[in-house]
Protein backbone atom coordinates (compact mmCIF):
# COMPACT_ATOMS: atom_id res chain seq x y z
CA MET A 1 55.72 140.64 131.49
CA LYS A 2 57.02 140.31 127.95
CA LYS A 3 59.62 137.77 129.05
CA PHE A 4 56.93 135.83 130.80
CA LYS A 5 54.84 135.56 127.57
CA VAL A 6 57.90 134.35 125.58
CA LEU A 7 58.67 131.72 128.20
CA SER A 8 55.09 130.50 128.24
CA LEU A 9 55.12 130.26 124.43
CA VAL A 10 58.30 128.19 124.46
CA LEU A 11 56.94 125.83 127.11
CA THR A 12 53.73 125.34 125.12
CA LEU A 13 55.69 124.49 121.95
CA ILE A 14 57.82 121.94 123.84
CA LEU A 15 54.82 120.21 125.28
CA THR A 16 53.08 120.06 121.88
CA VAL A 17 56.11 118.36 120.27
CA SER A 18 56.49 115.97 123.13
CA PHE A 19 52.83 114.81 122.87
CA ALA A 20 53.20 114.40 119.11
CA LEU A 21 56.24 112.15 119.50
CA THR A 22 54.55 110.08 122.23
CA GLY A 23 51.59 109.36 119.93
CA CYS A 24 53.93 107.78 117.27
CA THR A 25 55.49 105.41 119.74
CA GLN A 26 53.82 101.96 120.17
CA PRO A 27 53.16 100.86 123.77
CA ALA A 28 55.61 98.29 125.09
CA ASN A 29 52.84 95.90 126.18
CA GLU A 30 50.88 95.84 122.92
CA PRO A 31 51.73 92.81 120.63
CA ALA A 32 53.04 93.49 117.15
CA PRO A 33 50.45 92.92 114.40
CA THR A 34 50.58 89.56 112.70
CA PRO A 35 51.19 89.71 108.98
CA SER A 36 48.40 88.40 106.74
CA PRO A 37 48.95 84.97 104.97
CA ALA A 38 49.73 86.86 101.76
CA GLU A 39 52.53 88.59 103.53
CA LYS A 40 54.12 85.42 104.97
CA PRO A 41 57.58 84.80 103.52
CA LYS A 42 57.85 81.82 101.25
CA THR A 43 60.01 78.98 102.54
CA GLU A 44 61.85 76.85 100.02
CA GLU A 45 61.58 73.01 100.16
CA PRO A 46 64.87 71.40 101.14
CA ALA A 47 66.65 70.00 98.18
CA ALA A 48 66.60 66.21 97.88
CA PRO A 49 69.90 64.73 98.82
CA ALA A 50 71.91 63.65 95.80
CA LYS A 51 72.05 59.87 95.16
CA PRO A 52 75.42 58.49 96.05
CA GLU A 53 77.47 57.35 93.09
CA LEU A 54 77.00 53.58 92.37
CA LYS A 55 80.26 51.82 93.22
CA TYR A 56 79.65 48.70 91.18
CA PRO A 57 81.34 46.66 90.08
CA GLU A 58 84.48 46.86 92.17
CA ARG A 59 85.64 43.35 91.65
CA PRO A 60 85.07 40.48 89.17
CA ILE A 61 81.48 39.14 88.62
CA ASN A 62 80.60 35.43 88.42
CA ALA A 63 78.04 34.26 85.87
CA VAL A 64 76.94 30.76 86.69
CA VAL A 65 75.74 28.37 83.95
CA GLY A 66 73.87 25.26 85.04
CA PHE A 67 75.13 22.97 82.25
CA ASN A 68 78.47 21.66 80.97
CA ALA A 69 80.71 23.66 78.64
CA GLY A 70 79.72 23.29 74.97
CA GLY A 71 75.93 23.01 75.56
CA PRO A 72 73.50 25.57 74.18
CA THR A 73 73.26 27.65 77.35
CA ASP A 74 77.04 27.75 77.67
CA VAL A 75 77.55 28.59 74.03
CA ILE A 76 75.13 31.51 74.14
CA ALA A 77 76.54 32.83 77.42
CA ARG A 78 80.06 32.80 75.88
CA GLY A 79 78.77 34.85 73.05
CA ILE A 80 77.29 37.78 75.04
CA VAL A 81 79.21 37.76 78.35
CA PRO A 82 82.61 38.72 76.87
CA ILE A 83 81.04 41.75 75.18
CA LEU A 84 79.34 42.69 78.46
CA GLN A 85 82.64 42.34 80.30
CA GLU A 86 84.25 44.95 77.98
CA ILE A 87 81.40 47.42 78.52
CA VAL A 88 81.27 46.90 82.27
CA GLY A 89 85.05 47.26 82.59
CA GLU A 90 85.44 44.45 85.07
CA GLY A 91 86.07 40.74 84.67
CA ILE A 92 83.05 38.43 84.30
CA ALA A 93 83.89 34.73 84.76
CA ILE A 94 81.57 31.96 83.41
CA THR A 95 81.37 29.03 85.87
CA ASN A 96 79.74 25.83 84.70
CA THR A 97 77.91 24.02 87.51
CA PRO A 98 75.89 21.13 85.97
CA GLY A 99 73.32 19.09 87.79
CA ALA A 100 69.59 18.74 88.50
CA ALA A 101 68.57 20.47 85.21
CA SER A 102 70.58 23.54 86.26
CA ALA A 103 68.72 23.81 89.60
CA THR A 104 72.04 23.12 91.42
CA ALA A 105 73.62 26.17 89.85
CA ALA A 106 70.50 28.31 90.41
CA SER A 107 70.37 27.32 94.12
CA SER A 108 74.02 28.41 94.55
CA VAL A 109 73.20 31.81 93.06
CA MET A 110 70.14 32.18 95.29
CA GLN A 111 72.24 31.42 98.34
CA ALA A 112 74.92 33.89 97.44
CA LYS A 113 74.78 37.51 98.69
CA PRO A 114 72.37 39.44 96.30
CA ASP A 115 74.96 42.11 95.52
CA GLY A 116 75.25 41.74 91.76
CA TYR A 117 78.49 39.74 91.97
CA THR A 118 76.87 36.32 91.46
CA LEU A 119 74.50 36.06 88.51
CA PHE A 120 72.75 33.22 86.71
CA PHE A 121 72.76 32.69 82.98
CA GLY A 122 69.65 30.60 82.64
CA SER A 123 67.44 28.96 80.09
CA GLU A 124 63.90 27.58 79.63
CA ILE A 125 64.44 24.72 82.06
CA MET A 126 63.79 27.25 84.84
CA SER A 127 60.14 27.29 83.76
CA VAL A 128 59.50 23.62 84.59
CA TRP A 129 61.46 23.03 87.84
CA GLN A 130 58.21 23.23 89.88
CA THR A 131 56.12 21.00 87.71
CA MET A 132 58.86 18.44 87.33
CA GLY A 133 59.41 18.32 91.10
CA THR A 134 63.11 19.35 90.59
CA MET A 135 62.91 22.22 93.05
CA ASP A 136 60.37 24.82 94.08
CA MET A 137 62.04 27.66 92.22
CA SER A 138 60.48 30.03 89.61
CA PRO A 139 62.22 32.31 87.05
CA THR A 140 59.93 35.21 88.06
CA ARG A 141 59.27 34.54 91.77
CA ASP A 142 62.89 33.84 92.84
CA PHE A 143 64.92 35.72 90.24
CA ILE A 144 64.95 39.08 88.46
CA PRO A 145 65.30 38.72 84.67
CA ILE A 146 67.97 41.32 83.77
CA LYS A 147 67.71 40.61 80.02
CA LEU A 148 66.45 37.78 77.82
CA VAL A 149 68.70 37.64 74.77
CA ALA A 150 67.94 34.77 72.42
CA GLU A 151 65.84 31.81 71.42
CA ALA A 152 67.21 28.59 69.76
CA THR A 153 65.78 26.02 67.41
CA PRO A 154 65.88 22.27 68.22
CA VAL A 155 66.71 19.79 65.53
CA LEU A 156 66.67 15.97 65.26
CA ALA A 157 70.09 14.42 64.47
CA VAL A 158 71.62 11.01 64.11
CA PRO A 159 75.18 9.61 64.11
CA PRO A 160 77.18 10.02 60.84
CA ASP A 161 76.88 6.23 60.12
CA SER A 162 73.17 5.95 61.00
CA LYS A 163 71.00 3.94 58.66
CA PHE A 164 68.35 6.59 58.89
CA THR A 165 68.42 9.24 56.15
CA SER A 166 65.18 11.04 57.06
CA ALA A 167 63.01 11.92 60.02
CA GLU A 168 60.26 9.91 58.54
CA GLU A 169 62.38 6.73 58.46
CA LEU A 170 63.51 7.13 62.06
CA ILE A 171 60.01 7.89 63.40
CA GLN A 172 58.40 5.01 61.52
CA TYR A 173 61.07 2.72 63.04
CA ALA A 174 60.16 4.03 66.51
CA ILE A 175 56.52 3.32 65.81
CA ASP A 176 57.19 -0.23 64.60
CA HIS A 177 59.85 -0.99 67.26
CA PRO A 178 58.63 0.87 70.43
CA GLY A 179 61.33 1.85 72.89
CA GLU A 180 64.20 0.44 70.81
CA LEU A 181 65.68 3.71 69.70
CA ARG A 182 67.62 5.67 72.29
CA ILE A 183 67.36 9.43 72.21
CA ALA A 184 69.99 11.51 74.04
CA THR A 185 68.62 14.61 75.75
CA ALA A 186 70.02 17.39 77.95
CA GLY A 187 67.94 16.00 80.80
CA PRO A 188 64.31 15.52 81.81
CA ALA A 189 61.92 18.35 80.90
CA THR A 190 64.42 20.15 78.70
CA VAL A 191 63.26 21.20 75.27
CA PRO A 192 64.86 18.14 73.64
CA HIS A 193 62.98 15.84 75.96
CA ILE A 194 59.71 17.72 75.47
CA SER A 195 60.24 17.64 71.65
CA GLY A 196 60.63 13.88 71.83
CA LEU A 197 57.50 13.50 73.99
CA LEU A 198 55.65 15.54 71.33
CA LEU A 199 56.65 12.99 68.65
CA GLU A 200 55.43 10.19 70.88
CA LYS A 201 52.10 11.78 71.73
CA GLN A 202 51.21 13.12 68.24
CA LEU A 203 52.79 10.43 66.00
CA GLY A 204 52.66 7.24 68.01
CA ALA A 205 56.31 6.71 68.23
CA LYS A 206 58.05 5.38 71.35
CA PHE A 207 61.61 6.18 72.37
CA THR A 208 63.92 5.46 75.25
CA PHE A 209 65.28 8.78 76.48
CA VAL A 210 68.80 8.89 77.75
CA PRO A 211 69.40 12.01 79.88
CA PHE A 212 72.80 13.77 79.98
CA GLN A 213 73.96 16.69 82.02
CA GLY A 214 73.52 19.23 79.25
CA GLY A 215 73.35 19.43 75.48
CA GLY A 216 77.10 19.19 74.98
CA PRO A 217 77.40 15.58 76.27
CA ALA A 218 74.25 14.67 74.38
CA VAL A 219 75.72 15.87 71.08
CA THR A 220 79.01 14.11 71.87
CA ALA A 221 77.06 10.91 72.47
CA VAL A 222 75.35 10.99 69.10
CA MET A 223 78.57 11.88 67.25
CA GLY A 224 80.16 8.78 68.86
CA SER A 225 77.20 6.55 67.99
CA GLN A 226 76.59 5.85 71.68
CA VAL A 227 72.87 6.60 71.11
CA ASP A 228 70.64 6.40 68.03
CA ALA A 229 69.67 10.06 67.84
CA THR A 230 69.42 13.27 69.78
CA ILE A 231 67.24 16.35 69.69
CA GLU A 232 69.38 19.36 70.49
CA MET A 233 69.79 22.99 69.55
CA VAL A 234 71.01 23.64 66.02
CA GLN A 235 73.82 25.94 67.16
CA SER A 236 75.38 23.05 69.07
CA MET A 237 75.40 20.71 65.98
CA VAL A 238 75.57 22.84 62.83
CA GLU A 239 79.36 22.70 62.51
CA ALA A 240 79.36 18.94 63.16
CA HIS A 241 76.58 18.58 60.52
CA LYS A 242 78.51 20.61 58.00
CA GLY A 243 81.65 18.53 58.74
CA GLY A 244 79.91 15.20 58.36
CA ASN A 245 80.25 14.25 62.05
CA LEU A 246 76.55 13.86 62.42
CA LYS A 247 73.38 14.17 60.31
CA ILE A 248 70.63 16.63 61.00
CA LEU A 249 67.32 15.16 59.73
CA ALA A 250 64.74 17.79 60.62
CA SER A 251 64.08 21.08 62.48
CA PHE A 252 61.25 21.63 64.90
CA THR A 253 59.91 24.51 62.76
CA ASN A 254 57.28 25.26 60.23
CA GLU A 255 59.69 27.11 57.91
CA PRO A 256 63.30 26.25 56.89
CA ILE A 257 66.05 27.68 59.05
CA SER A 258 67.54 30.63 57.22
CA GLY A 259 70.84 29.53 55.76
CA LEU A 260 70.13 25.80 56.39
CA ASP A 261 67.66 25.09 53.69
CA ASP A 262 68.74 21.47 53.36
CA ILE A 263 67.21 20.73 56.78
CA VAL A 264 63.57 19.72 56.48
CA PRO A 265 61.01 21.47 58.77
CA ILE A 266 59.25 18.61 60.61
CA SER A 267 55.76 20.00 60.08
CA THR A 268 56.16 19.61 56.33
CA VAL A 269 56.49 15.83 56.85
CA TYR A 270 53.89 15.72 59.69
CA PRO A 271 51.36 18.53 59.34
CA VAL A 272 49.82 17.53 62.66
CA LEU A 273 52.79 19.08 64.43
CA LYS A 274 52.29 22.49 62.81
CA GLU A 275 50.41 23.98 65.79
CA TYR A 276 53.11 22.84 68.24
CA VAL A 277 56.22 24.19 66.52
CA PRO A 278 58.34 26.25 66.48
CA TYR A 279 59.14 25.26 70.04
CA GLY A 280 62.54 26.49 71.26
CA PRO A 281 64.25 27.57 74.55
CA TYR A 282 64.97 31.02 75.81
CA PHE A 283 68.32 32.19 77.26
CA GLY A 284 69.09 35.20 79.41
CA LEU A 285 70.85 36.75 82.44
CA PHE A 286 69.12 36.62 85.82
CA ALA A 287 69.91 37.96 89.31
CA PRO A 288 68.70 36.84 92.74
CA LEU A 289 65.41 38.43 93.83
CA GLU A 290 66.75 40.86 96.44
CA THR A 291 69.52 42.36 94.26
CA PRO A 292 69.38 46.17 94.60
CA GLU A 293 67.37 48.01 91.95
CA GLU A 294 70.21 50.31 90.97
CA ILE A 295 72.44 47.28 90.18
CA ILE A 296 69.64 45.66 88.15
CA GLU A 297 69.26 48.88 86.20
CA PHE A 298 73.01 49.18 85.63
CA LEU A 299 73.30 45.60 84.35
CA LYS A 300 70.17 45.97 82.15
CA ASN A 301 71.60 49.12 80.48
CA LYS A 302 74.98 47.41 79.95
CA MET A 303 73.31 44.34 78.47
CA THR A 304 71.39 46.60 76.08
CA GLU A 305 74.75 48.08 74.98
CA ALA A 306 76.27 44.61 74.59
CA MET A 307 73.40 43.36 72.42
CA ALA A 308 73.74 46.45 70.15
CA ASP A 309 77.34 45.45 69.45
CA PRO A 310 77.78 44.11 65.83
CA ARG A 311 79.67 41.12 67.19
CA TRP A 312 76.54 39.90 68.97
CA ASP A 313 74.54 40.15 65.75
CA GLU A 314 77.23 38.22 63.92
CA TYR A 315 77.34 35.61 66.63
CA CYS A 316 73.58 35.02 66.48
CA THR A 317 73.63 34.81 62.68
CA LYS A 318 76.47 32.33 62.76
CA LEU A 319 74.70 30.08 65.24
CA TYR A 320 71.18 30.50 63.82
CA LEU A 321 69.86 32.05 66.93
CA THR A 322 66.74 34.15 67.03
CA GLN A 323 67.51 37.44 68.85
CA ILE A 324 65.05 38.68 71.49
CA ASP A 325 65.30 41.70 73.75
CA PHE A 326 63.10 41.53 76.86
CA ASP A 327 63.56 43.09 80.28
CA SER A 328 61.41 44.60 83.05
CA ASP A 329 57.66 44.01 82.57
CA ALA A 330 58.12 42.56 79.01
CA ALA A 331 60.47 39.90 80.41
CA TYR A 332 57.96 38.88 83.09
CA GLU A 333 55.18 38.59 80.53
CA TYR A 334 57.26 36.48 78.19
CA LEU A 335 58.44 34.21 80.97
CA ASN A 336 54.93 33.68 82.34
CA LYS A 337 53.62 32.70 78.86
CA TRP A 338 56.54 30.36 78.21
CA THR A 339 56.19 28.78 81.57
CA SER A 340 52.51 28.22 81.09
CA LYS A 341 53.02 26.49 77.77
CA ALA A 342 55.89 24.25 78.81
CA ALA A 343 54.58 23.28 82.27
CA TRP A 344 51.14 22.30 81.05
CA LEU A 345 52.58 20.35 78.00
CA LEU A 346 54.71 18.27 80.38
CA TYR A 347 51.91 17.66 82.77
CA GLU A 348 49.39 16.69 80.11
CA THR A 349 51.79 14.26 78.44
CA GLY A 350 52.32 12.52 81.78
CA ALA A 351 56.03 13.52 81.96
CA ALA A 352 55.61 15.85 84.97
CA PRO A 353 54.36 14.67 88.38
CA ASN A 354 53.04 18.02 89.61
CA SER A 355 50.13 19.96 88.30
CA PRO A 356 51.18 23.51 87.26
CA GLU A 357 47.95 24.64 88.89
CA GLN A 358 49.28 24.05 92.39
CA PHE A 359 52.00 26.60 91.70
CA GLY A 360 49.65 29.22 90.29
CA ILE A 361 50.68 28.56 86.68
CA ALA A 362 47.65 29.33 84.47
CA LYS A 363 46.80 27.19 81.49
CA PRO A 364 47.84 28.68 78.17
CA LYS A 365 45.07 30.64 76.38
């Protein structure tokens, strides 16, 4: 009997433990509870892929100038491009391709692959291609201004043996003998041509304009007495003026050119011109429209470094250039204002066949 009670007690204890263990076990067909949102593990955003290193330039770059060697655009390009070449660490050739007021050169750049290896070193003539009917190209619609670097000052000059000793004498002669004096220019609608038109419109003079393919040949023509005068950029003629190979009679400014105080500002002789001057061209480096953004940014930064070089400052001082530094939005704003002023002046003087309005060029305010 005693053994039976002990056995019963053991069996009871086994059953009790068994039931307890069964209650702690989850049924196989019952789904596991879903964790609350607060309990969800945080997933990290995948890291953005690293930008591949820019492999540019890997070969020489070609900077195309639309005028002959020795002209203002070429002279300024040869001041900044060699410094840029050192900083970039690759060769940059300057190729002169004159013709059609530099539109020939610009077209060749537009037709090249937009990979940063063919660039355009341009000037203010880009702003009047459309109005003049040269070509339907725009400095802001068809190109990206990498950097605008300088402005220049036009001056009136005559051959060394000229009978004219002042701007007043020359202009009075052109009033009394309309069309007799021949003025060499860098081509139609260039700043020299527009400056001559300004004298005609405001002072009543009348000239015969003789176009050349760039400022260099125009200066050579006046030095050789092949023409009666020229209006060109001071940096192209200052050494010849100092050497007695031509005579600069006046600058298209309201104030004397620093360092050239013997040259008379034209508005001091003719105050009516004061509101129209100074009127000078811009110069800068451009790329075709579809050039990759990273290449534009690279070139812009390298141009900024080149312009900070003391040699560029010395070069501008020597050639009486006004330094400017415009890129990105500031460059577009500058170009739009300059284009508006030049295009409408040409149209309203009758020198341009096309209204700027048809190209969306607003009148200057």
